Every structure is written in C-alpha cells, then in structure tokens.
Amino acid sequence: MVYIGVDLGGTGIKAGVVDESGTILAKGSAPTGRERPYQAVIADIAALCTRVAAQAGTPMEEVAAMGVGVPGICNPETGVIPFCTNLGWHDVPFVEEMHKHLNLPVHVDNDATVAGYAESIAGVSAGTRASVFLTLGTGVGGGIVLGGRPYSGVHGIGSEIGHMILQMDGEPCTCGNEGCFERYASATAIIREARRAVKKDPQSMMMKNCGGNPERINAKIVIDCAKAGDKTARAVFDAYVRALAHGIISIINVLDPEIIVLGGGVSMAGDFLLNAVREAVKPLIFFKTMPYARIELARLGADAGIIGAALLGRK
C-alpha cells in the first residue's frame, strides 16, 4: 500500500507518496499563502497531493490514506484543528474540508508528533516500543510514540513537551506561562543567553563572528564558538545542555521510554551536542542501577514530517 503525507508549515507545504516501509516515492512542495482563508490552503494541499501521486505513477484510488502534520494543536479523533498560531487557524474542520476535494481517509496530528512517529518507523527509533522525539528549534516540540502509535493525549494536546514547566516563575513563554522547557532548551534560548553574555564579555569570539552586532548571533555561532574554545560561548552552551538534560530526566521519570531522539536545528551540532547531553543526564538518573533511555540524534531530517504524516493511516 501507499500513502500520502503532508508537512504543513507557515510558509510552505511539502507532500510525498510513501510506501509501507517509510520510503518516499515522490514528493513536491507549494507555498502556503497563510494570509488566505483556510479553505484555499486546504484546496492547495489537495491539489499538491494529486500532483505528487501523478509523479509517483499512483492513481489516487490506490492511495490507502493521507495524513497531515500541522504546527499546532490537532484533535486526531474529530479531524478538527482547534489552534494553529503559524496559520492563524482556530477550530478549522480540516478533515471535513479536505473531503470536499479528496475521497480517501484523512488523518491529522501535530507536526512534531508525526516526525517522532516517522523516526519510530524508518529512523533511529525503529523497532522500539516507546520513544520520545524532541525538536530543538525556535521552540521545543515533542512527539511521543507508545506501543507503535503516536500518543496525542485524550484531548489532542498531549506531547506538548516544550511547555512543561522547568522553572517556577522563570522566563516568560509565548504560551502565557513562565519557565517552560522551551524557554531554556530551544535555539531561541541559546540566542537570548548569548546576547546577554556578550554584553558582559564583548571580547567573546561570538562578537567577532556576528560582525559586532549581537542581534546577528544565532545558535550556530554560539555552538561553533563553544567548539573553538571560547569560554563565554562554552558557558552558554553548557547552561543550555544542563537545561536540556533536566527536561530529559523529567521525561525519563514520567514515561521511561526506550529512546529519546533529538531533532531540529540545534541537533545539527551532532556529536558535540549528543555527547554533552549524555554526560549531563548520567548524574541525574534516579534509579542508578537500572537501565534508562538511550539518547540519539534523529536520522530522517526534513523528510520526517512527510513520512510520519503519511503513515498515520497505516493500520
């Protein structure tokens, strides 16, 4: 059987035809045009799905199902998207609207959830029973897979790992709370702390690498300078790793997964990040003599959203 997966973003839509094993047979993209009504965006998604099916030489009637990963809160049971900030959507009847264009089963879920699901099928966590995927980007997204299926909670808002509270009365979060995990474990957090740090140490290598303008500091600059031995950059990186490790420990203590997968832009730091996180987690383990989740880097990259969304319809 083949499936169609859609990775819906604020600026672009990606879609692909995927087989049972998670291999992409054909893929394409289109601009989102988020300023338009949701009906127009969904019509474009349907048209893109039809195009990629034709590219793959697959008649639409042979597509078993389609799935969509959305950067917001979804209700997989009803097919409604209650809230999607990136698109300005509120209570969008996604599946109902899609059925006006395509006559096949349609599934929706959070984009980080479907990326984690993809890794559990065709990536680093394949073959595991319980895995947690963390996207370390502008925020922190989460994807939980239990018993081979993505877990989104009773109301569709499960796996919002980035918004578990890491520090009471901590950094203000865009969600309205304070001290959320993503305020300390995202690329945004690295940038914020680096900009604060160079005010105290204007001689830091980070200032040279950003052309003397702290507003141009990004996570890559911080990590590259930390690798090169800059003390201020290393202090920012180490604080980031400690925050990430504390969040991971909370996940381990609550869910006891087999594996925790690190994805997103910050994970491009590779083994420099991975080894540091593994070392920071070790002393925090509660049950010292028991095995615990291994920590690995994601493997599927930008294709994870398409693969995971497609296989939401796999039985």
Protein backbone atom coordinates (compact mmCIF):
# COMPACT_ATOMS: atom_id res chain seq x y z
CA MET A 1 0.00 0.00 0.00
CA VAL A 2 1.00 3.63 -0.48
CA TYR A 3 0.05 6.73 1.46
CA ILE A 4 0.35 10.47 1.04
CA GLY A 5 1.94 12.57 3.75
CA VAL A 6 1.75 16.35 4.07
CA ASP A 7 4.04 18.55 6.15
CA LEU A 8 2.13 21.81 6.56
CA GLY A 9 4.19 24.83 7.58
CA GLY A 10 3.65 28.53 7.94
CA THR A 11 5.44 29.34 4.69
CA GLY A 12 5.45 26.09 2.73
CA ILE A 13 3.58 22.84 2.15
CA LYS A 14 5.51 19.65 1.43
CA ALA A 15 3.85 16.43 0.33
CA GLY A 16 5.02 12.98 -0.69
CA VAL A 17 3.90 9.50 -1.62
CA VAL A 18 5.22 7.00 0.91
CA ASP A 19 5.23 3.20 0.98
CA GLU A 20 4.67 0.91 3.97
CA SER A 21 8.34 0.97 4.96
CA GLY A 22 8.53 4.76 5.07
CA THR A 23 10.29 5.23 1.73
CA ILE A 24 9.30 8.37 -0.17
CA LEU A 25 8.43 7.52 -3.78
CA ALA A 26 7.78 11.08 -4.96
CA LYS A 27 7.48 14.48 -3.34
CA GLY A 28 6.72 18.11 -4.10
CA SER A 29 6.04 21.45 -2.47
CA ALA A 30 3.95 24.62 -2.72
CA PRO A 31 3.74 27.94 -0.87
CA THR A 32 1.24 28.04 1.99
CA GLY A 33 -0.15 31.53 1.46
CA ARG A 34 -1.28 31.66 5.06
CA GLU A 35 -2.92 35.06 4.64
CA ARG A 36 -5.73 33.32 2.72
CA PRO A 37 -8.82 31.58 4.16
CA TYR A 38 -8.17 28.02 5.36
CA GLN A 39 -10.42 26.70 2.58
CA ALA A 40 -7.98 27.98 -0.05
CA VAL A 41 -4.97 26.48 1.75
CA ILE A 42 -6.68 23.10 2.04
CA ALA A 43 -7.64 23.20 -1.65
CA ASP A 44 -3.96 23.74 -2.48
CA ILE A 45 -2.95 20.82 -0.24
CA ALA A 46 -5.37 18.57 -2.12
CA ALA A 47 -4.01 19.75 -5.47
CA LEU A 48 -0.42 19.12 -4.33
CA CYS A 49 -1.37 15.61 -3.19
CA THR A 50 -2.85 14.90 -6.62
CA ARG A 51 0.35 16.13 -8.30
CA VAL A 52 2.73 14.02 -6.22
CA ALA A 53 0.56 10.96 -6.75
CA ALA A 54 0.84 11.53 -10.51
CA GLN A 55 4.63 11.92 -10.16
CA ALA A 56 4.75 8.56 -8.42
CA GLY A 57 2.56 6.98 -11.11
CA THR A 58 -0.04 6.15 -8.47
CA PRO A 59 -3.75 6.64 -9.21
CA MET A 60 -5.49 8.40 -6.32
CA GLU A 61 -7.84 5.45 -5.89
CA GLU A 62 -4.81 3.33 -4.99
CA VAL A 63 -3.76 5.64 -2.16
CA ALA A 64 -4.77 3.99 1.12
CA ALA A 65 -4.93 7.23 3.16
CA MET A 66 -3.39 10.64 3.60
CA GLY A 67 -2.09 12.31 6.73
CA VAL A 68 -1.12 15.86 7.61
CA GLY A 69 1.31 17.16 10.22
CA VAL A 70 0.22 20.58 11.46
CA PRO A 71 2.27 23.09 13.52
CA GLY A 72 -0.42 23.41 16.15
CA ILE A 73 -2.95 21.57 18.27
CA CYS A 74 -4.97 18.88 16.48
CA ASN A 75 -7.75 16.56 17.51
CA PRO A 76 -6.98 13.29 15.71
CA GLU A 77 -10.39 11.88 16.67
CA THR A 78 -12.51 14.67 15.17
CA GLY A 79 -10.14 15.93 12.48
CA VAL A 80 -10.53 19.47 13.80
CA ILE A 81 -7.57 21.83 14.29
CA PRO A 82 -8.50 23.90 17.36
CA PHE A 83 -5.44 26.12 17.33
CA CYS A 84 -2.58 26.80 14.91
CA THR A 85 -0.73 30.05 15.58
CA ASN A 86 1.51 29.87 12.49
CA LEU A 87 -1.51 29.83 10.21
CA GLY A 88 -3.90 31.89 12.31
CA TRP A 89 -6.34 28.97 12.39
CA HIS A 90 -8.95 28.40 15.08
CA ASP A 91 -11.37 25.45 15.11
CA VAL A 92 -10.73 24.54 11.48
CA PRO A 93 -12.69 21.41 10.38
CA PHE A 94 -9.70 20.15 8.43
CA VAL A 95 -10.81 16.62 7.57
CA GLU A 96 -14.32 17.70 6.64
CA GLU A 97 -12.96 20.37 4.32
CA MET A 98 -10.39 18.03 2.77
CA HIS A 99 -13.11 15.53 1.96
CA LYS A 100 -14.60 18.12 -0.39
CA HIS A 101 -11.53 17.60 -2.57
CA LEU A 102 -10.23 14.08 -1.95
CA ASN A 103 -12.17 10.88 -1.43
CA LEU A 104 -9.86 8.97 0.90
CA PRO A 105 -9.26 8.61 4.64
CA VAL A 106 -7.61 11.73 6.11
CA HIS A 107 -5.66 11.91 9.38
CA VAL A 108 -4.20 14.93 11.19
CA ASP A 109 -1.76 15.32 14.06
CA ASN A 110 0.88 17.69 15.42
CA ASP A 111 3.98 18.09 13.25
CA ALA A 112 6.45 17.10 15.97
CA THR A 113 4.31 14.08 16.83
CA VAL A 114 4.36 12.81 13.25
CA ALA A 115 8.11 13.43 12.97
CA GLY A 116 8.63 11.29 16.05
CA TYR A 117 6.36 8.66 14.57
CA ALA A 118 8.44 8.65 11.38
CA GLU A 119 11.64 8.06 13.34
CA SER A 120 9.96 5.13 15.11
CA ILE A 121 9.16 3.51 11.77
CA ALA A 122 12.03 4.38 9.46
CA GLY A 123 14.57 6.22 11.62
CA VAL A 124 16.75 5.88 14.67
CA SER A 125 13.97 4.65 16.97
CA ALA A 126 12.66 1.97 14.59
CA GLY A 127 11.77 -1.24 16.40
CA THR A 128 11.25 0.38 19.80
CA ARG A 129 8.02 0.20 21.79
CA ALA A 130 8.24 3.62 23.44
CA SER A 131 10.10 6.65 22.15
CA VAL A 132 10.13 10.40 22.65
CA PHE A 133 11.20 12.83 19.93
CA LEU A 134 12.32 16.38 20.73
CA THR A 135 12.57 19.07 18.07
CA LEU A 136 15.08 21.65 19.22
CA GLY A 137 14.32 24.68 17.10
CA THR A 138 12.69 28.06 17.62
CA GLY A 139 10.70 26.28 20.32
CA VAL A 140 10.75 22.71 21.59
CA GLY A 141 8.29 20.29 20.04
CA GLY A 142 7.58 16.80 21.25
CA GLY A 143 6.48 13.53 19.72
CA ILE A 144 5.59 10.56 21.90
CA VAL A 145 5.17 7.07 20.43
CA LEU A 146 3.77 4.33 22.67
CA GLY A 147 3.08 0.79 21.55
CA GLY A 148 3.94 1.67 17.99
CA ARG A 149 1.41 4.51 17.70
CA PRO A 150 1.73 8.28 18.23
CA TYR A 151 0.29 9.47 21.52
CA SER A 152 -1.53 12.81 21.45
CA GLY A 153 -3.48 12.59 24.68
CA VAL A 154 -7.21 12.38 25.33
CA HIS A 155 -7.93 15.88 24.01
CA GLY A 156 -5.31 16.09 21.27
CA ILE A 157 -2.93 18.29 23.26
CA GLY A 158 -0.59 15.60 24.54
CA SER A 159 3.17 15.65 23.91
CA GLU A 160 3.46 19.43 24.33
CA ILE A 161 6.80 18.74 25.98
CA GLY A 162 8.11 22.21 25.30
CA HIS A 163 5.52 23.62 27.67
CA MET A 164 6.17 21.50 30.72
CA ILE A 165 7.35 23.84 33.47
CA LEU A 166 11.09 23.55 34.06
CA GLN A 167 11.47 26.51 36.40
CA MET A 168 8.76 28.09 38.54
CA ASP A 169 8.45 31.83 37.89
CA GLY A 170 11.08 31.53 35.18
CA GLU A 171 11.48 33.07 31.73
CA PRO A 172 8.16 34.27 30.21
CA CYS A 173 6.90 31.97 27.46
CA THR A 174 4.87 32.79 24.35
CA CYS A 175 2.16 30.47 25.69
CA GLY A 176 1.50 32.84 28.59
CA ASN A 177 3.16 30.76 31.29
CA GLU A 178 6.61 31.21 32.79
CA GLY A 179 9.54 28.82 32.97
CA CYS A 180 8.52 26.47 30.15
CA PHE A 181 11.09 23.90 29.00
CA GLU A 182 11.39 25.53 25.58
CA ARG A 183 12.44 28.83 27.15
CA TYR A 184 15.66 27.06 28.20
CA ALA A 185 16.14 24.25 25.66
CA SER A 186 15.41 25.89 22.30
CA ALA A 187 17.60 27.70 19.78
CA THR A 188 15.81 30.85 20.94
CA ALA A 189 17.12 30.23 24.46
CA ILE A 190 20.70 29.84 23.25
CA ILE A 191 20.47 33.10 21.31
CA ARG A 192 18.92 35.00 24.23
CA GLU A 193 21.58 33.87 26.67
CA ALA A 194 24.41 34.51 24.21
CA ARG A 195 23.25 38.08 23.66
CA ARG A 196 23.15 38.62 27.40
CA ALA A 197 26.60 37.08 27.77
CA VAL A 198 28.36 39.24 25.18
CA LYS A 199 27.19 42.37 26.99
CA LYS A 200 29.38 41.22 29.87
CA ASP A 201 32.16 39.93 27.63
CA PRO A 202 32.34 41.99 24.42
CA GLN A 203 35.69 40.32 23.65
CA SER A 204 34.00 36.97 23.13
CA MET A 205 34.61 35.26 19.80
CA MET A 206 30.87 35.40 19.31
CA MET A 207 31.07 39.16 18.80
CA LYS A 208 33.65 38.74 16.04
CA ASN A 209 31.60 36.00 14.36
CA CYS A 210 28.46 38.13 14.35
CA GLY A 211 30.23 41.16 12.92
CA GLY A 212 30.00 43.07 16.18
CA ASN A 213 26.20 43.05 16.11
CA PRO A 214 24.69 40.85 18.89
CA GLU A 215 21.38 40.83 17.02
CA ARG A 216 23.05 38.66 14.39
CA ILE A 217 24.02 35.95 16.87
CA ASN A 218 22.36 32.62 16.12
CA ALA A 219 22.63 29.17 17.68
CA LYS A 220 25.21 28.01 15.14
CA ILE A 221 27.54 30.89 16.00
CA VAL A 222 27.30 30.05 19.70
CA ILE A 223 27.95 26.34 19.16
CA ASP A 224 30.81 26.94 16.70
CA CYS A 225 32.48 29.33 19.17
CA ALA A 226 31.97 26.85 22.01
CA LYS A 227 33.65 24.16 19.91
CA ALA A 228 36.52 26.54 19.22
CA GLY A 229 37.12 27.02 22.94
CA ASP A 230 35.56 30.42 23.58
CA LYS A 231 34.84 30.43 27.33
CA THR A 232 31.77 32.65 27.18
CA ALA A 233 30.21 30.64 24.36
CA ARG A 234 31.03 27.43 26.19
CA ALA A 235 29.31 28.72 29.33
CA VAL A 236 26.16 29.48 27.30
CA PHE A 237 26.30 26.06 25.66
CA ASP A 238 26.86 24.24 28.96
CA ALA A 239 23.89 26.02 30.56
CA TYR A 240 21.77 25.02 27.57
CA VAL A 241 22.86 21.39 27.88
CA ARG A 242 22.03 21.35 31.62
CA ALA A 243 18.54 22.65 30.90
CA LEU A 244 18.02 20.07 28.15
CA ALA A 245 19.29 17.30 30.44
CA HIS A 246 16.88 18.28 33.22
CA GLY A 247 13.97 18.16 30.80
CA ILE A 248 15.09 14.78 29.52
CA ILE A 249 15.28 13.45 33.08
CA SER A 250 11.67 14.51 33.66
CA ILE A 251 10.65 12.63 30.52
CA ILE A 252 12.55 9.54 31.64
CA ASN A 253 11.00 9.64 35.12
CA VAL A 254 7.46 10.02 33.77
CA LEU A 255 7.48 7.79 30.68
CA ASP A 256 10.55 5.52 30.91
CA PRO A 257 10.93 5.31 27.10
CA GLU A 258 13.46 3.11 25.34
CA ILE A 259 14.93 6.06 23.43
CA ILE A 260 14.88 9.84 23.34
CA VAL A 261 15.58 11.30 19.91
CA LEU A 262 16.98 14.79 19.38
CA GLY A 263 15.99 16.55 16.17
CA GLY A 264 15.54 20.10 14.92
CA GLY A 265 18.09 22.75 14.06
CA VAL A 266 20.14 22.57 17.26
CA SER A 267 20.67 18.84 16.75
CA MET A 268 22.79 19.71 13.71
CA ALA A 269 25.56 20.26 16.26
CA GLY A 270 25.86 16.47 16.07
CA ASP A 271 28.08 14.55 18.46
CA PHE A 272 29.23 17.77 20.14
CA LEU A 273 25.69 18.19 21.47
CA LEU A 274 24.88 14.50 21.84
CA ASN A 275 27.92 13.61 23.92
CA ALA A 276 27.45 16.64 26.17
CA VAL A 277 23.78 15.80 26.79
CA ARG A 278 24.53 12.16 27.53
CA GLU A 279 27.14 13.18 30.10
CA ALA A 280 24.81 15.74 31.70
CA VAL A 281 21.99 13.21 32.03
CA LYS A 282 24.05 10.49 33.74
CA PRO A 283 24.35 12.03 37.23
CA LEU A 284 20.65 12.97 37.23
CA ILE A 285 19.35 9.41 36.79
CA PHE A 286 17.07 8.47 39.67
CA PHE A 287 17.45 4.69 39.64
CA LYS A 288 21.21 4.40 39.41
CA THR A 289 21.37 0.64 38.90
CA MET A 290 18.59 0.43 36.29
CA PRO A 291 18.88 0.84 32.53
CA TYR A 292 17.42 4.04 31.10
CA ALA A 293 16.54 5.54 27.72
CA ARG A 294 19.38 5.90 25.30
CA ILE A 295 19.71 9.33 23.71
CA GLU A 296 20.29 9.56 19.96
CA LEU A 297 20.19 12.04 17.07
CA ALA A 298 17.35 11.94 14.55
CA ARG A 299 18.16 10.47 11.15
CA LEU A 300 15.33 11.42 8.79
CA GLY A 301 15.86 15.18 8.71
CA ALA A 302 13.39 17.28 6.72
CA ASP A 303 11.57 14.22 5.35
CA ALA A 304 10.34 13.09 8.77
CA GLY A 305 7.19 15.20 8.58
CA ILE A 306 6.10 13.72 5.26
CA ILE A 307 6.87 10.14 6.30
CA GLY A 308 5.21 10.32 9.71
CA ALA A 309 2.11 12.08 8.42
CA ALA A 310 1.69 9.57 5.61
CA LEU A 311 1.88 6.58 7.92
CA LEU A 312 -0.76 7.91 10.33
CA GLY A 313 -3.14 5.94 8.15
CA ARG A 314 -1.17 2.70 8.36
CA LYS A 315 -3.02 0.00 10.27
